[in-house]
Protein backbone atom coordinates (compact mmCIF):
# COMPACT_ATOMS: atom_id res chain seq x y z
CA MET A 1 -16.55 -28.11 -6.12
CA ASN A 2 -16.35 -29.49 -2.65
CA LEU A 3 -17.65 -27.75 0.43
CA ILE A 4 -14.22 -26.71 1.76
CA ASN A 5 -13.22 -24.95 -1.46
CA GLN A 6 -16.61 -23.28 -1.68
CA ARG A 7 -16.21 -21.90 1.86
CA PHE A 8 -12.73 -20.53 1.05
CA LEU A 9 -14.17 -18.70 -1.96
CA GLU A 10 -16.96 -17.25 0.17
CA ILE A 11 -14.42 -16.00 2.72
CA ALA A 12 -12.26 -14.51 -0.04
CA HIS A 13 -15.23 -12.58 -1.43
CA GLU A 14 -16.21 -11.34 2.05
CA ASN A 15 -12.71 -10.03 2.77
CA SER A 16 -12.61 -6.55 1.27
CA ALA A 17 -9.33 -5.46 2.90
CA ILE A 18 -6.75 -3.93 0.58
CA TYR A 19 -3.29 -5.07 1.63
CA ASP A 20 -1.15 -2.18 0.40
CA GLY A 21 0.59 -0.96 3.54
CA ILE A 22 -2.22 1.34 4.58
CA HIS A 23 -4.17 -1.63 5.93
CA GLU A 24 -1.20 -2.73 8.05
CA TYR A 25 -0.54 0.83 9.25
CA CYS A 26 -4.15 1.30 10.33
CA SER A 27 -4.18 -2.08 12.09
CA VAL A 28 -1.03 -1.33 14.05
CA GLU A 29 -1.91 2.28 14.89
CA HIS A 30 -5.61 1.50 15.57
CA VAL A 31 -6.79 4.01 12.97
CA ASN A 32 -10.12 3.68 11.15
CA GLU A 33 -8.99 2.48 7.72
CA GLU A 34 -12.05 3.72 5.80
CA HIS A 35 -11.73 7.21 7.26
CA PHE A 36 -7.98 7.26 6.66
CA ARG A 37 -8.34 6.22 3.00
CA ALA A 38 -11.06 8.82 2.43
CA SER A 39 -8.98 11.60 3.94
CA VAL A 40 -5.83 10.89 1.96
CA SER A 41 -5.72 12.21 -1.59
CA GLU A 42 -4.78 9.91 -4.48
CA ARG A 43 -1.39 11.54 -5.03
CA ARG A 44 -0.51 11.44 -1.37
CA ARG A 45 -1.70 7.84 -1.17
CA SER A 46 0.80 6.86 -3.87
CA ILE A 47 3.55 8.57 -1.87
CA LEU A 48 2.50 6.67 1.26
CA THR A 49 2.49 3.42 -0.70
CA LYS A 50 6.05 4.12 -1.86
CA MET A 51 7.09 4.85 1.73
CA PHE A 52 5.61 1.56 2.93
CA GLN A 53 7.41 -0.25 0.11
CA VAL A 54 10.71 1.29 1.17
CA PHE A 55 10.18 0.39 4.81
CA SER A 56 9.19 -3.17 3.96
CA SER A 57 11.98 -3.71 1.41
CA THR A 58 14.48 -6.28 2.55
CA THR A 59 17.48 -5.50 0.38
CA LYS A 60 19.50 -2.35 -0.10
CA GLN A 61 19.13 -2.68 -3.89
CA GLU A 62 15.32 -2.56 -3.64
CA LYS A 63 15.46 0.53 -1.41
CA ASP A 64 17.93 2.25 -3.74
CA LYS A 65 15.78 1.46 -6.79
CA LEU A 66 12.64 2.92 -5.18
CA HIS A 67 14.58 5.98 -4.01
CA ASP A 68 16.05 6.55 -7.50
CA GLU A 69 12.61 6.29 -9.15
CA GLY A 70 11.16 8.80 -6.69
CA SER A 71 14.08 11.19 -7.18
CA LYS A 72 13.71 11.13 -10.96
CA LYS A 73 9.99 11.94 -10.71
CA ALA A 74 10.66 14.77 -8.24
CA ILE A 75 13.27 16.28 -10.55
CA MET A 76 10.94 16.06 -13.56
CA ASN A 77 8.04 17.60 -11.60
CA ALA A 78 10.25 20.43 -10.31
CA GLY A 79 11.04 21.45 -13.90
CA ARG A 80 7.37 22.12 -14.67
């Protein structure tokens, strides 16, 4: 393995950022990402991830698909 590839692997292992929308939100809003992740529950985090997916979706079909999936889950959870 040459030196350049080895350095790229070292950088990749050092970078512990999770790019799931929360990282971008915290960067833009200047919020401490570690604190934000710790304060958001797992269920709520999945809702936030869905919201970021909807906002970052480029086509109407993708937005409609995500909305339909969320609506089905909400209806099923309401029946419990």
